[in-house]
Amino acid sequence: MHGGQHGARVSVAGMVCYRPGHRSRLIYRLHHYRRRTGERVSFPPAEYTRMLQAAHQQLPGGKIVLVWDNLGIHRSKAMREFIDAHSTG
């Protein structure tokens, strides 16, 4: 970021992925907030779903166990519907 961007923020969301016998992986997304009109301050829900889809692509055949904190987006109806739609069991 540039020093002149007063109030600009960068947020990160990530997943640490472990699989026995394999190297661990870090899958993450960055969100840049530049204080533009109408711009979302926090991660958009679609970015979380893209991160989960990337994890499935990079870890074929593996199950994902999510450990969420109490952030509202993690408990949202949209996230629950996405997880339920992509759950294998």
PDB file of N, CA and C in Angstrom:
ATOM      1  N   MET A   1       0.838  -1.174   0.000  1.00  0.00           N
ATOM      2  CA  MET A   1       0.000   0.000   0.000  1.00  0.00           C
ATOM      3  C   MET A   1       0.879   1.230   0.000  1.00  0.00           C
ATOM      4  N   HIS A   2       0.313   2.301  -0.453  1.00  0.00           N
ATOM      5  CA  HIS A   2       1.025   3.567  -0.482  1.00  0.00           C
ATOM      6  C   HIS A   2       0.718   4.350   0.788  1.00  0.00           C
ATOM      7  N   GLY A   3       1.666   5.146   1.228  1.00  0.00           N
ATOM      8  CA  GLY A   3       1.496   5.914   2.446  1.00  0.00           C
ATOM      9  C   GLY A   3       0.328   6.887   2.400  1.00  0.00           C
ATOM     10  N   GLY A   4      -0.088   7.317   1.222  1.00  0.00           N
ATOM     11  CA  GLY A   4      -1.153   8.286   1.108  1.00  0.00           C
ATOM     12  C   GLY A   4      -2.548   7.707   1.181  1.00  0.00           C
ATOM     13  N   GLN A   5      -2.687   6.417   1.322  1.00  0.00           N
ATOM     14  CA  GLN A   5      -4.004   5.781   1.357  1.00  0.00           C
ATOM     15  C   GLN A   5      -4.502   5.700   2.786  1.00  0.00           C
ATOM     16  N   HIS A   6      -4.923   6.826   3.318  1.00  0.00           N
ATOM     17  CA  HIS A   6      -5.410   6.880   4.695  1.00  0.00           C
ATOM     18  C   HIS A   6      -6.667   6.024   4.852  1.00  0.00           C
ATOM     19  N   GLY A   7      -6.614   5.098   5.767  1.00  0.00           N
ATOM     20  CA  GLY A   7      -7.763   4.247   6.033  1.00  0.00           C
ATOM     21  C   GLY A   7      -7.849   3.010   5.164  1.00  0.00           C
ATOM     22  N   ALA A   8      -6.941   2.833   4.218  1.00  0.00           N
ATOM     23  CA  ALA A   8      -6.953   1.642   3.380  1.00  0.00           C
ATOM     24  C   ALA A   8      -6.569   0.430   4.231  1.00  0.00           C
ATOM     25  N   ARG A   9      -7.145  -0.712   3.901  1.00  0.00           N
ATOM     26  CA  ARG A   9      -6.880  -1.931   4.669  1.00  0.00           C
ATOM     27  C   ARG A   9      -6.669  -3.116   3.739  1.00  0.00           C
ATOM     28  N   VAL A  10      -5.930  -4.080   4.232  1.00  0.00           N
ATOM     29  CA  VAL A  10      -5.794  -5.357   3.554  1.00  0.00           C
ATOM     30  C   VAL A  10      -6.167  -6.424   4.566  1.00  0.00           C
ATOM     31  N   SER A  11      -7.138  -7.253   4.208  1.00  0.00           N
ATOM     32  CA  SER A  11      -7.545  -8.363   5.062  1.00  0.00           C
ATOM     33  C   SER A  11      -7.113  -9.661   4.403  1.00  0.00           C
ATOM     34  N   VAL A  12      -6.879 -10.671   5.227  1.00  0.00           N
ATOM     35  CA  VAL A  12      -6.499 -11.974   4.702  1.00  0.00           C
ATOM     36  C   VAL A  12      -7.366 -13.048   5.345  1.00  0.00           C
ATOM     37  N   ALA A  13      -7.772 -14.001   4.539  1.00  0.00           N
ATOM     38  CA  ALA A  13      -8.467 -15.191   5.024  1.00  0.00           C
ATOM     39  C   ALA A  13      -7.690 -16.377   4.483  1.00  0.00           C
ATOM     40  N   GLY A  14      -7.490 -17.375   5.305  1.00  0.00           N
ATOM     41  CA  GLY A  14      -6.679 -18.483   4.843  1.00  0.00           C
ATOM     42  C   GLY A  14      -7.051 -19.810   5.465  1.00  0.00           C
ATOM     43  N   MET A  15      -6.538 -20.834   4.844  1.00  0.00           N
ATOM     44  CA  MET A  15      -6.734 -22.212   5.303  1.00  0.00           C
ATOM     45  C   MET A  15      -5.377 -22.892   5.329  1.00  0.00           C
ATOM     46  N   VAL A  16      -5.101 -23.594   6.395  1.00  0.00           N
ATOM     47  CA  VAL A  16      -3.911 -24.431   6.466  1.00  0.00           C
ATOM     48  C   VAL A  16      -4.406 -25.856   6.257  1.00  0.00           C
ATOM     49  N   CYS A  17      -3.853 -26.519   5.265  1.00  0.00           N
ATOM     50  CA  CYS A  17      -4.339 -27.844   4.879  1.00  0.00           C
ATOM     51  C   CYS A  17      -3.274 -28.891   5.161  1.00  0.00           C
ATOM     52  N   TYR A  18      -3.685 -29.921   5.870  1.00  0.00           N
ATOM     53  CA  TYR A  18      -2.788 -31.028   6.221  1.00  0.00           C
ATOM     54  C   TYR A  18      -3.371 -32.324   5.703  1.00  0.00           C
ATOM     55  N   ARG A  19      -2.482 -33.187   5.199  1.00  0.00           N
ATOM     56  CA  ARG A  19      -2.880 -34.517   4.749  1.00  0.00           C
ATOM     57  C   ARG A  19      -1.734 -35.454   5.101  1.00  0.00           C
ATOM     58  N   PRO A  20      -2.023 -36.526   5.805  1.00  0.00           N
ATOM     59  CA  PRO A  20      -0.954 -37.447   6.202  1.00  0.00           C
ATOM     60  C   PRO A  20      -0.109 -37.885   5.003  1.00  0.00           C
ATOM     61  N   GLY A  21       1.199 -37.796   5.167  1.00  0.00           N
ATOM     62  CA  GLY A  21       2.114 -38.221   4.113  1.00  0.00           C
ATOM     63  C   GLY A  21       2.359 -37.187   3.028  1.00  0.00           C
ATOM     64  N   HIS A  22       1.745 -36.004   3.123  1.00  0.00           N
ATOM     65  CA  HIS A  22       1.902 -34.955   2.124  1.00  0.00           C
ATOM     66  C   HIS A  22       2.382 -33.668   2.789  1.00  0.00           C
ATOM     67  N   ARG A  23       2.881 -32.765   1.973  1.00  0.00           N
ATOM     68  CA  ARG A  23       3.288 -31.459   2.481  1.00  0.00           C
ATOM     69  C   ARG A  23       2.051 -30.638   2.845  1.00  0.00           C
ATOM     70  N   SER A  24       2.186 -29.816   3.851  1.00  0.00           N
ATOM     71  CA  SER A  24       1.080 -28.935   4.222  1.00  0.00           C
ATOM     72  C   SER A  24       0.958 -27.824   3.179  1.00  0.00           C
ATOM     73  N   ARG A  25      -0.234 -27.250   3.107  1.00  0.00           N
ATOM     74  CA  ARG A  25      -0.487 -26.172   2.148  1.00  0.00           C
ATOM     75  C   ARG A  25      -1.182 -25.018   2.848  1.00  0.00           C
ATOM     76  N   LEU A  26      -0.913 -23.834   2.351  1.00  0.00           N
ATOM     77  CA  LEU A  26      -1.610 -22.639   2.794  1.00  0.00           C
ATOM     78  C   LEU A  26      -2.363 -22.087   1.597  1.00  0.00           C
ATOM     79  N   ILE A  27      -3.667 -21.989   1.729  1.00  0.00           N
ATOM     80  CA  ILE A  27      -4.506 -21.424   0.677  1.00  0.00           C
ATOM     81  C   ILE A  27      -5.105 -20.157   1.266  1.00  0.00           C
ATOM     82  N   TYR A  28      -4.940 -19.048   0.572  1.00  0.00           N
ATOM     83  CA  TYR A  28      -5.402 -17.788   1.160  1.00  0.00           C
ATOM     84  C   TYR A  28      -5.935 -16.846   0.087  1.00  0.00           C
ATOM     85  N   ARG A  29      -6.655 -15.854   0.544  1.00  0.00           N
ATOM     86  CA  ARG A  29      -7.174 -14.792  -0.304  1.00  0.00           C
ATOM     87  C   ARG A  29      -6.938 -13.463   0.399  1.00  0.00           C
ATOM     88  N   LEU A  30      -6.638 -12.441  -0.379  1.00  0.00           N
ATOM     89  CA  LEU A  30      -6.479 -11.093   0.143  1.00  0.00           C
ATOM     90  C   LEU A  30      -7.651 -10.238  -0.317  1.00  0.00           C
ATOM     91  N   HIS A  31      -8.050  -9.316   0.530  1.00  0.00           N
ATOM     92  CA  HIS A  31      -9.100  -8.353   0.171  1.00  0.00           C
ATOM     93  C   HIS A  31      -8.556  -6.962   0.449  1.00  0.00           C
ATOM     94  N   HIS A  32      -8.509  -6.145  -0.587  1.00  0.00           N
ATOM     95  CA  HIS A  32      -8.013  -4.779  -0.472  1.00  0.00           C
ATOM     96  C   HIS A  32      -9.201  -3.836  -0.344  1.00  0.00           C
ATOM     97  N   TYR A  33      -9.222  -3.056   0.706  1.00  0.00           N
ATOM     98  CA  TYR A  33     -10.263  -2.056   0.912  1.00  0.00           C
ATOM     99  C   TYR A  33      -9.610  -0.689   0.775  1.00  0.00           C
ATOM    100  N   ARG A  34     -10.086   0.098  -0.180  1.00  0.00           N
ATOM    101  CA  ARG A  34      -9.463   1.393  -0.471  1.00  0.00           C
ATOM    102  C   ARG A  34     -10.383   2.574  -0.181  1.00  0.00           C
ATOM    103  N   ARG A  35     -11.449   2.332   0.569  1.00  0.00           N
ATOM    104  CA  ARG A  35     -12.392   3.379   0.974  1.00  0.00           C
ATOM    105  C   ARG A  35     -13.130   3.999  -0.201  1.00  0.00           C
ATOM    106  N   ARG A  36     -13.401   3.216  -1.224  1.00  0.00           N
ATOM    107  CA  ARG A  36     -14.166   3.711  -2.363  1.00  0.00           C
ATOM    108  C   ARG A  36     -15.654   3.613  -2.055  1.00  0.00           C
ATOM    109  N   THR A  37     -16.425   4.479  -2.648  1.00  0.00           N
ATOM    110  CA  THR A  37     -17.868   4.493  -2.429  1.00  0.00           C
ATOM    111  C   THR A  37     -18.472   3.153  -2.841  1.00  0.00           C
ATOM    112  N   GLY A  38     -19.263   2.564  -1.950  1.00  0.00           N
ATOM    113  CA  GLY A  38     -19.922   1.293  -2.225  1.00  0.00           C
ATOM    114  C   GLY A  38     -19.046   0.067  -2.083  1.00  0.00           C
ATOM    115  N   GLU A  39     -17.777   0.257  -1.777  1.00  0.00           N
ATOM    116  CA  GLU A  39     -16.852  -0.873  -1.649  1.00  0.00           C
ATOM    117  C   GLU A  39     -17.062  -1.572  -0.315  1.00  0.00           C
ATOM    118  N   ARG A  40     -17.043  -2.865  -0.328  1.00  0.00           N
ATOM    119  CA  ARG A  40     -17.225  -3.671   0.875  1.00  0.00           C
ATOM    120  C   ARG A  40     -15.938  -3.660   1.706  1.00  0.00           C
ATOM    121  N   VAL A  41     -16.079  -3.414   3.009  1.00  0.00           N
ATOM    122  CA  VAL A  41     -14.922  -3.366   3.899  1.00  0.00           C
ATOM    123  C   VAL A  41     -14.385  -4.770   4.150  1.00  0.00           C
ATOM    124  N   SER A  42     -15.267  -5.712   4.374  1.00  0.00           N
ATOM    125  CA  SER A  42     -14.848  -7.075   4.706  1.00  0.00           C
ATOM    126  C   SER A  42     -14.891  -7.970   3.472  1.00  0.00           C
ATOM    127  N   PHE A  43     -14.437  -9.194   3.638  1.00  0.00           N
ATOM    128  CA  PHE A  43     -14.451 -10.160   2.550  1.00  0.00           C
ATOM    129  C   PHE A  43     -15.869 -10.393   2.065  1.00  0.00           C
ATOM    130  N   PRO A  44     -16.076 -10.387   0.764  1.00  0.00           N
ATOM    131  CA  PRO A  44     -17.397 -10.757   0.248  1.00  0.00           C
ATOM    132  C   PRO A  44     -17.597 -12.267   0.398  1.00  0.00           C
ATOM    133  N   PRO A  45     -18.830 -12.705   0.618  1.00  0.00           N
ATOM    134  CA  PRO A  45     -19.085 -14.152   0.780  1.00  0.00           C
ATOM    135  C   PRO A  45     -18.551 -14.985  -0.380  1.00  0.00           C
ATOM    136  N   ALA A  46     -18.621 -14.467  -1.582  1.00  0.00           N
ATOM    137  CA  ALA A  46     -18.147 -15.226  -2.747  1.00  0.00           C
ATOM    138  C   ALA A  46     -16.656 -15.534  -2.653  1.00  0.00           C
ATOM    139  N   GLU A  47     -15.898 -14.689  -1.979  1.00  0.00           N
ATOM    140  CA  GLU A  47     -14.461 -14.937  -1.849  1.00  0.00           C
ATOM    141  C   GLU A  47     -14.186 -16.147  -0.950  1.00  0.00           C
ATOM    142  N   TYR A  48     -14.993 -16.310   0.082  1.00  0.00           N
ATOM    143  CA  TYR A  48     -14.852 -17.505   0.932  1.00  0.00           C
ATOM    144  C   TYR A  48     -15.177 -18.766   0.135  1.00  0.00           C
ATOM    145  N   THR A  49     -16.233 -18.714  -0.665  1.00  0.00           N
ATOM    146  CA  THR A  49     -16.594 -19.902  -1.438  1.00  0.00           C
ATOM    147  C   THR A  49     -15.521 -20.213  -2.481  1.00  0.00           C
ATOM    148  N   ARG A  50     -14.925 -19.189  -3.094  1.00  0.00           N
ATOM    149  CA  ARG A  50     -13.837 -19.439  -4.055  1.00  0.00           C
ATOM    150  C   ARG A  50     -12.624 -20.059  -3.372  1.00  0.00           C
ATOM    151  N   MET A  51     -12.358 -19.651  -2.139  1.00  0.00           N
ATOM    152  CA  MET A  51     -11.235 -20.230  -1.414  1.00  0.00           C
ATOM    153  C   MET A  51     -11.504 -21.710  -1.112  1.00  0.00           C
ATOM    154  N   LEU A  52     -12.718 -22.046  -0.723  1.00  0.00           N
ATOM    155  CA  LEU A  52     -13.065 -23.445  -0.465  1.00  0.00           C
ATOM    156  C   LEU A  52     -13.008 -24.265  -1.752  1.00  0.00           C
ATOM    157  N   GLN A  53     -13.452 -23.688  -2.856  1.00  0.00           N
ATOM    158  CA  GLN A  53     -13.374 -24.389  -4.141  1.00  0.00           C
ATOM    159  C   GLN A  53     -11.920 -24.615  -4.551  1.00  0.00           C
ATOM    160  N   ALA A  54     -11.062 -23.643  -4.293  1.00  0.00           N
ATOM    161  CA  ALA A  54      -9.639 -23.800  -4.599  1.00  0.00           C
ATOM    162  C   ALA A  54      -9.031 -24.925  -3.771  1.00  0.00           C
ATOM    163  N   ALA A  55      -9.440 -25.029  -2.521  1.00  0.00           N
ATOM    164  CA  ALA A  55      -8.939 -26.103  -1.664  1.00  0.00           C
ATOM    165  C   ALA A  55      -9.347 -27.467  -2.222  1.00  0.00           C
ATOM    166  N   HIS A  56     -10.585 -27.585  -2.676  1.00  0.00           N
ATOM    167  CA  HIS A  56     -11.030 -28.856  -3.270  1.00  0.00           C
ATOM    168  C   HIS A  56     -10.241 -29.195  -4.526  1.00  0.00           C
ATOM    169  N   GLN A  57      -9.909 -28.200  -5.332  1.00  0.00           N
ATOM    170  CA  GLN A  57      -9.149 -28.442  -6.556  1.00  0.00           C
ATOM    171  C   GLN A  57      -7.711 -28.845  -6.254  1.00  0.00           C
ATOM    172  N   GLN A  58      -7.115 -28.219  -5.244  1.00  0.00           N
ATOM    173  CA  GLN A  58      -5.719 -28.500  -4.922  1.00  0.00           C
ATOM    174  C   GLN A  58      -5.541 -29.756  -4.091  1.00  0.00           C
ATOM    175  N   LEU A  59      -6.612 -30.217  -3.454  1.00  0.00           N
ATOM    176  CA  LEU A  59      -6.546 -31.400  -2.603  1.00  0.00           C
ATOM    177  C   LEU A  59      -7.590 -32.418  -3.059  1.00  0.00           C
ATOM    178  N   PRO A  60      -7.448 -32.958  -4.250  1.00  0.00           N
ATOM    179  CA  PRO A  60      -8.470 -33.868  -4.780  1.00  0.00           C
ATOM    180  C   PRO A  60      -8.627 -35.111  -3.909  1.00  0.00           C
ATOM    181  N   GLY A  61      -9.862 -35.492  -3.715  1.00  0.00           N
ATOM    182  CA  GLY A  61     -10.161 -36.699  -2.948  1.00  0.00           C
ATOM    183  C   GLY A  61     -10.093 -36.524  -1.448  1.00  0.00           C
ATOM    184  N   GLY A  62      -9.679 -35.376  -0.997  1.00  0.00           N
ATOM    185  CA  GLY A  62      -9.572 -35.143   0.435  1.00  0.00           C
ATOM    186  C   GLY A  62     -10.814 -34.468   0.994  1.00  0.00           C
ATOM    187  N   LYS A  63     -11.073 -34.714   2.252  1.00  0.00           N
ATOM    188  CA  LYS A  63     -12.169 -34.045   2.929  1.00  0.00           C
ATOM    189  C   LYS A  63     -11.642 -32.775   3.583  1.00  0.00           C
ATOM    190  N   ILE A  64     -12.507 -31.798   3.693  1.00  0.00           N
ATOM    191  CA  ILE A  64     -12.146 -30.537   4.337  1.00  0.00           C
ATOM    192  C   ILE A  64     -12.921 -30.441   5.644  1.00  0.00           C
ATOM    193  N   VAL A  65     -12.203 -30.202   6.705  1.00  0.00           N
ATOM    194  CA  VAL A  65     -12.818 -29.980   8.015  1.00  0.00           C
ATOM    195  C   VAL A  65     -12.621 -28.499   8.323  1.00  0.00           C
ATOM    196  N   LEU A  66     -13.731 -27.771   8.386  1.00  0.00           N
ATOM    197  CA  LEU A  66     -13.662 -26.341   8.669  1.00  0.00           C
ATOM    198  C   LEU A  66     -13.783 -26.092  10.159  1.00  0.00           C
ATOM    199  N   VAL A  67     -12.929 -25.213  10.647  1.00  0.00           N
ATOM    200  CA  VAL A  67     -13.025 -24.750  12.031  1.00  0.00           C
ATOM    201  C   VAL A  67     -13.196 -23.240  11.932  1.00  0.00           C
ATOM    202  N   TRP A  68     -14.428 -22.793  12.119  1.00  0.00           N
ATOM    203  CA  TRP A  68     -14.757 -21.382  11.993  1.00  0.00           C
ATOM    204  C   TRP A  68     -14.682 -20.693  13.349  1.00  0.00           C
ATOM    205  N   ASP A  69     -14.431 -19.409  13.307  1.00  0.00           N
ATOM    206  CA  ASP A  69     -14.621 -18.602  14.506  1.00  0.00           C
ATOM    207  C   ASP A  69     -16.074 -18.126  14.492  1.00  0.00           C
ATOM    208  N   ASN A  70     -16.412 -17.160  15.276  1.00  0.00           N
ATOM    209  CA  ASN A  70     -17.805 -16.741  15.396  1.00  0.00           C
ATOM    210  C   ASN A  70     -18.134 -15.564  14.476  1.00  0.00           C
ATOM    211  N   LEU A  71     -17.364 -15.355  13.433  1.00  0.00           N
ATOM    212  CA  LEU A  71     -17.604 -14.273  12.492  1.00  0.00           C
ATOM    213  C   LEU A  71     -18.956 -14.473  11.807  1.00  0.00           C
ATOM    214  N   GLY A  72     -19.694 -13.409  11.644  1.00  0.00           N
ATOM    215  CA  GLY A  72     -21.042 -13.486  11.085  1.00  0.00           C
ATOM    216  C   GLY A  72     -21.112 -14.177   9.735  1.00  0.00           C
ATOM    217  N   ILE A  73     -20.175 -13.898   8.840  1.00  0.00           N
ATOM    218  CA  ILE A  73     -20.208 -14.522   7.511  1.00  0.00           C
ATOM    219  C   ILE A  73     -20.046 -16.032   7.599  1.00  0.00           C
ATOM    220  N   HIS A  74     -19.299 -16.504   8.582  1.00  0.00           N
ATOM    221  CA  HIS A  74     -19.115 -17.946   8.745  1.00  0.00           C
ATOM    222  C   HIS A  74     -20.410 -18.622   9.180  1.00  0.00           C
ATOM    223  N   ARG A  75     -21.258 -17.889   9.873  1.00  0.00           N
ATOM    224  CA  ARG A  75     -22.528 -18.433  10.354  1.00  0.00           C
ATOM    225  C   ARG A  75     -23.712 -18.052   9.463  1.00  0.00           C
ATOM    226  N   SER A  76     -23.452 -17.402   8.332  1.00  0.00           N
ATOM    227  CA  SER A  76     -24.522 -16.897   7.483  1.00  0.00           C
ATOM    228  C   SER A  76     -25.285 -18.012   6.772  1.00  0.00           C
ATOM    229  N   LYS A  77     -26.481 -17.679   6.378  1.00  0.00           N
ATOM    230  CA  LYS A  77     -27.321 -18.625   5.645  1.00  0.00           C
ATOM    231  C   LYS A  77     -26.668 -18.992   4.309  1.00  0.00           C
ATOM    232  N   ALA A  78     -26.103 -18.005   3.631  1.00  0.00           N
ATOM    233  CA  ALA A  78     -25.465 -18.261   2.336  1.00  0.00           C
ATOM    234  C   ALA A  78     -24.305 -19.249   2.466  1.00  0.00           C
ATOM    235  N   MET A  79     -23.486 -19.096   3.510  1.00  0.00           N
ATOM    236  CA  MET A  79     -22.356 -20.006   3.702  1.00  0.00           C
ATOM    237  C   MET A  79     -22.852 -21.399   4.061  1.00  0.00           C
ATOM    238  N   ARG A  80     -23.869 -21.489   4.904  1.00  0.00           N
ATOM    239  CA  ARG A  80     -24.440 -22.787   5.276  1.00  0.00           C
ATOM    240  C   ARG A  80     -24.983 -23.501   4.042  1.00  0.00           C
ATOM    241  N   GLU A  81     -25.685 -22.764   3.175  1.00  0.00           N
ATOM    242  CA  GLU A  81     -26.229 -23.358   1.965  1.00  0.00           C
ATOM    243  C   GLU A  81     -25.124 -23.844   1.029  1.00  0.00           C
ATOM    244  N   PHE A  82     -24.050 -23.055   0.918  1.00  0.00           N
ATOM    245  CA  PHE A  82     -22.924 -23.474   0.069  1.00  0.00           C
ATOM    246  C   PHE A  82     -22.285 -24.755   0.604  1.00  0.00           C
ATOM    247  N   ILE A  83     -22.034 -24.781   1.913  1.00  0.00           N
ATOM    248  CA  ILE A  83     -21.407 -25.959   2.508  1.00  0.00           C
ATOM    249  C   ILE A  83     -22.304 -27.185   2.374  1.00  0.00           C
ATOM    250  N   ASP A  84     -23.590 -27.018   2.642  1.00  0.00           N
ATOM    251  CA  ASP A  84     -24.522 -28.144   2.513  1.00  0.00           C
ATOM    252  C   ASP A  84     -24.584 -28.659   1.074  1.00  0.00           C
ATOM    253  N   ALA A  85     -24.561 -27.757   0.111  1.00  0.00           N
ATOM    254  CA  ALA A  85     -24.633 -28.144  -1.296  1.00  0.00           C
ATOM    255  C   ALA A  85     -23.384 -28.880  -1.762  1.00  0.00           C
ATOM    256  N   HIS A  86     -22.266 -28.651  -1.085  1.00  0.00           N
ATOM    257  CA  HIS A  86     -20.998 -29.267  -1.510  1.00  0.00           C
ATOM    258  C   HIS A  86     -20.500 -30.333  -0.529  1.00  0.00           C
ATOM    259  N   SER A  87     -21.317 -30.686   0.414  1.00  0.00           N
ATOM    260  CA  SER A  87     -20.937 -31.687   1.399  1.00  0.00           C
ATOM    261  C   SER A  87     -21.078 -33.087   0.794  1.00  0.00           C
ATOM    262  N   THR A  88     -20.144 -33.957   1.164  1.00  0.00           N
ATOM    263  CA  THR A  88     -20.172 -35.330   0.659  1.00  0.00           C
ATOM    264  C   THR A  88     -20.669 -36.319   1.709  1.00  0.00           C
ATOM    265  N   GLY A  89     -21.055 -35.849   2.810  1.00  0.00           N
ATOM    266  CA  GLY A  89     -21.500 -36.810   3.802  1.00  0.00           C
ATOM    267  C   GLY A  89     -21.849 -36.187   5.040  1.00  0.00           C
TER     268      GLY A  89
END
